[in-house]
Amino acid sequence: MNKKDLIEALSKKAGLSKKAANDAIDTLITTITKSLKKGEKVTFVGFGTFTVRKRAARKARNPRTQQIIKVPAKKVPVFRPGSELRKSVK
């Protein structure tokens, strides 16, 4: 399923126009992104939790040249599925 399919499913299920469904999904994504940028956790009970995790700096090897390079530390978004989601996918 991609964004277009999700918009179509939401518009049918909620009785919205495709534009309204698109706006709702865009607002949801934007709000989650802004919260993660602030370092906040976003939780949907039963579905899952979005958080930001810090990755430490490390050394890696370029497979083409075999040269060792330094990979800087960075923050990455992480999704942890909730128990209901895990059970439904089994």
C-alpha atoms as a PDB file:
ATOM      1  CA  MET A   1       0.000   0.000   0.000  1.00  0.00           C
ATOM      2  CA  ASN A   2       1.288   3.437  -0.869  1.00  0.00           C
ATOM      3  CA  LYS A   3       0.064   6.926   0.015  1.00  0.00           C
ATOM      4  CA  LYS A   4      -2.367   7.026  -2.921  1.00  0.00           C
ATOM      5  CA  ASP A   5      -3.960   3.734  -1.830  1.00  0.00           C
ATOM      6  CA  LEU A   6      -4.179   4.972   1.759  1.00  0.00           C
ATOM      7  CA  ILE A   7      -5.901   8.189   0.653  1.00  0.00           C
ATOM      8  CA  GLU A   8      -8.416   6.205  -1.364  1.00  0.00           C
ATOM      9  CA  ALA A   9      -9.136   3.800   1.524  1.00  0.00           C
ATOM     10  CA  LEU A  10      -9.536   6.672   3.998  1.00  0.00           C
ATOM     11  CA  SER A  11     -11.857   8.596   1.708  1.00  0.00           C
ATOM     12  CA  LYS A  12     -14.110   5.549   1.229  1.00  0.00           C
ATOM     13  CA  LYS A  13     -14.102   4.480   4.892  1.00  0.00           C
ATOM     14  CA  ALA A  14     -14.663   7.954   6.374  1.00  0.00           C
ATOM     15  CA  GLY A  15     -16.858   9.313   3.582  1.00  0.00           C
ATOM     16  CA  LEU A  16     -14.404  12.121   2.814  1.00  0.00           C
ATOM     17  CA  SER A  17     -13.331  13.591  -0.475  1.00  0.00           C
ATOM     18  CA  LYS A  18      -9.913  12.507  -1.707  1.00  0.00           C
ATOM     19  CA  LYS A  19      -8.609  16.042  -1.109  1.00  0.00           C
ATOM     20  CA  ALA A  20      -9.819  16.000   2.509  1.00  0.00           C
ATOM     21  CA  ALA A  21      -8.315  12.544   3.051  1.00  0.00           C
ATOM     22  CA  ASN A  22      -5.003  13.729   1.528  1.00  0.00           C
ATOM     23  CA  ASP A  23      -5.002  16.789   3.801  1.00  0.00           C
ATOM     24  CA  ALA A  24      -5.673  14.601   6.849  1.00  0.00           C
ATOM     25  CA  ILE A  25      -2.818  12.244   6.035  1.00  0.00           C
ATOM     26  CA  ASP A  26      -0.435  15.123   5.261  1.00  0.00           C
ATOM     27  CA  THR A  27      -1.357  16.780   8.568  1.00  0.00           C
ATOM     28  CA  LEU A  28      -0.767  13.533  10.458  1.00  0.00           C
ATOM     29  CA  ILE A  29       2.661  13.018   8.872  1.00  0.00           C
ATOM     30  CA  THR A  30       3.662  16.650   9.421  1.00  0.00           C
ATOM     31  CA  THR A  31       2.585  16.566  13.060  1.00  0.00           C
ATOM     32  CA  ILE A  32       4.483  13.339  13.763  1.00  0.00           C
ATOM     33  CA  THR A  33       7.577  14.737  12.031  1.00  0.00           C
ATOM     34  CA  LYS A  34       7.479  17.990  14.037  1.00  0.00           C
ATOM     35  CA  SER A  35       7.072  16.082  17.303  1.00  0.00           C
ATOM     36  CA  LEU A  36      10.039  13.833  16.510  1.00  0.00           C
ATOM     37  CA  LYS A  37      12.161  16.876  15.611  1.00  0.00           C
ATOM     38  CA  LYS A  38      11.411  18.254  19.098  1.00  0.00           C
ATOM     39  CA  GLY A  39      12.543  14.959  20.606  1.00  0.00           C
ATOM     40  CA  GLU A  40       9.036  13.954  21.684  1.00  0.00           C
ATOM     41  CA  LYS A  41       7.633  10.433  21.586  1.00  0.00           C
ATOM     42  CA  VAL A  42       4.461   9.808  19.529  1.00  0.00           C
ATOM     43  CA  THR A  43       2.323   6.909  20.757  1.00  0.00           C
ATOM     44  CA  PHE A  44      -0.790   5.350  19.240  1.00  0.00           C
ATOM     45  CA  VAL A  45      -2.066   2.837  21.807  1.00  0.00           C
ATOM     46  CA  GLY A  46      -2.337  -0.595  20.207  1.00  0.00           C
ATOM     47  CA  PHE A  47      -0.625   0.536  16.994  1.00  0.00           C
ATOM     48  CA  GLY A  48       2.861   1.580  18.018  1.00  0.00           C
ATOM     49  CA  THR A  49       5.307   4.258  19.071  1.00  0.00           C
ATOM     50  CA  PHE A  50       7.532   6.585  17.062  1.00  0.00           C
ATOM     51  CA  THR A  51      10.701   7.744  18.823  1.00  0.00           C
ATOM     52  CA  VAL A  52      14.082   9.234  17.992  1.00  0.00           C
ATOM     53  CA  ARG A  53      17.168   7.195  18.808  1.00  0.00           C
ATOM     54  CA  LYS A  54      20.772   8.378  18.840  1.00  0.00           C
ATOM     55  CA  ARG A  55      23.329   6.379  16.886  1.00  0.00           C
ATOM     56  CA  ALA A  56      26.880   6.632  18.112  1.00  0.00           C
ATOM     57  CA  ALA A  57      29.757   7.560  15.834  1.00  0.00           C
ATOM     58  CA  ARG A  58      31.520   4.534  14.411  1.00  0.00           C
ATOM     59  CA  LYS A  59      34.100   3.361  11.950  1.00  0.00           C
ATOM     60  CA  ALA A  60      33.076   1.571   8.762  1.00  0.00           C
ATOM     61  CA  ARG A  61      34.851   0.131   5.760  1.00  0.00           C
ATOM     62  CA  ASN A  62      34.226   1.219   2.180  1.00  0.00           C
ATOM     63  CA  PRO A  63      33.648  -2.111   0.413  1.00  0.00           C
ATOM     64  CA  ARG A  64      35.001  -0.843  -2.894  1.00  0.00           C
ATOM     65  CA  THR A  65      38.297   0.658  -1.673  1.00  0.00           C
ATOM     66  CA  GLN A  66      38.612  -1.147   1.698  1.00  0.00           C
ATOM     67  CA  GLN A  67      39.390   2.256   3.230  1.00  0.00           C
ATOM     68  CA  ILE A  68      38.203   2.833   6.811  1.00  0.00           C
ATOM     69  CA  ILE A  69      35.966   5.883   7.165  1.00  0.00           C
ATOM     70  CA  LYS A  70      34.386   7.602  10.161  1.00  0.00           C
ATOM     71  CA  VAL A  71      30.600   7.641  10.254  1.00  0.00           C
ATOM     72  CA  PRO A  72      29.378  10.560  12.390  1.00  0.00           C
ATOM     73  CA  ALA A  73      26.824  10.213  15.181  1.00  0.00           C
ATOM     74  CA  LYS A  74      23.243  10.971  14.176  1.00  0.00           C
ATOM     75  CA  LYS A  75      19.638  10.753  15.266  1.00  0.00           C
ATOM     76  CA  VAL A  76      17.282   8.341  13.488  1.00  0.00           C
ATOM     77  CA  PRO A  77      13.514   7.845  13.707  1.00  0.00           C
ATOM     78  CA  VAL A  78      12.398   4.465  15.042  1.00  0.00           C
ATOM     79  CA  PHE A  79       8.985   2.779  15.017  1.00  0.00           C
ATOM     80  CA  ARG A  80       8.145   0.136  17.596  1.00  0.00           C
ATOM     81  CA  PRO A  81       4.899  -1.744  16.858  1.00  0.00           C
ATOM     82  CA  GLY A  82       2.312  -2.130  19.614  1.00  0.00           C
ATOM     83  CA  SER A  83       1.066  -5.447  20.904  1.00  0.00           C
ATOM     84  CA  GLU A  84      -2.233  -5.342  18.982  1.00  0.00           C
ATOM     85  CA  LEU A  85      -0.432  -4.669  15.706  1.00  0.00           C
ATOM     86  CA  ARG A  86       2.035  -7.495  16.359  1.00  0.00           C
ATOM     87  CA  LYS A  87      -0.778  -9.922  17.144  1.00  0.00           C
ATOM     88  CA  SER A  88      -2.774  -8.987  14.040  1.00  0.00           C
ATOM     89  CA  VAL A  89       0.199  -9.525  11.704  1.00  0.00           C
ATOM     90  CA  LYS A  90       1.072 -13.017  12.995  1.00  0.00           C
END
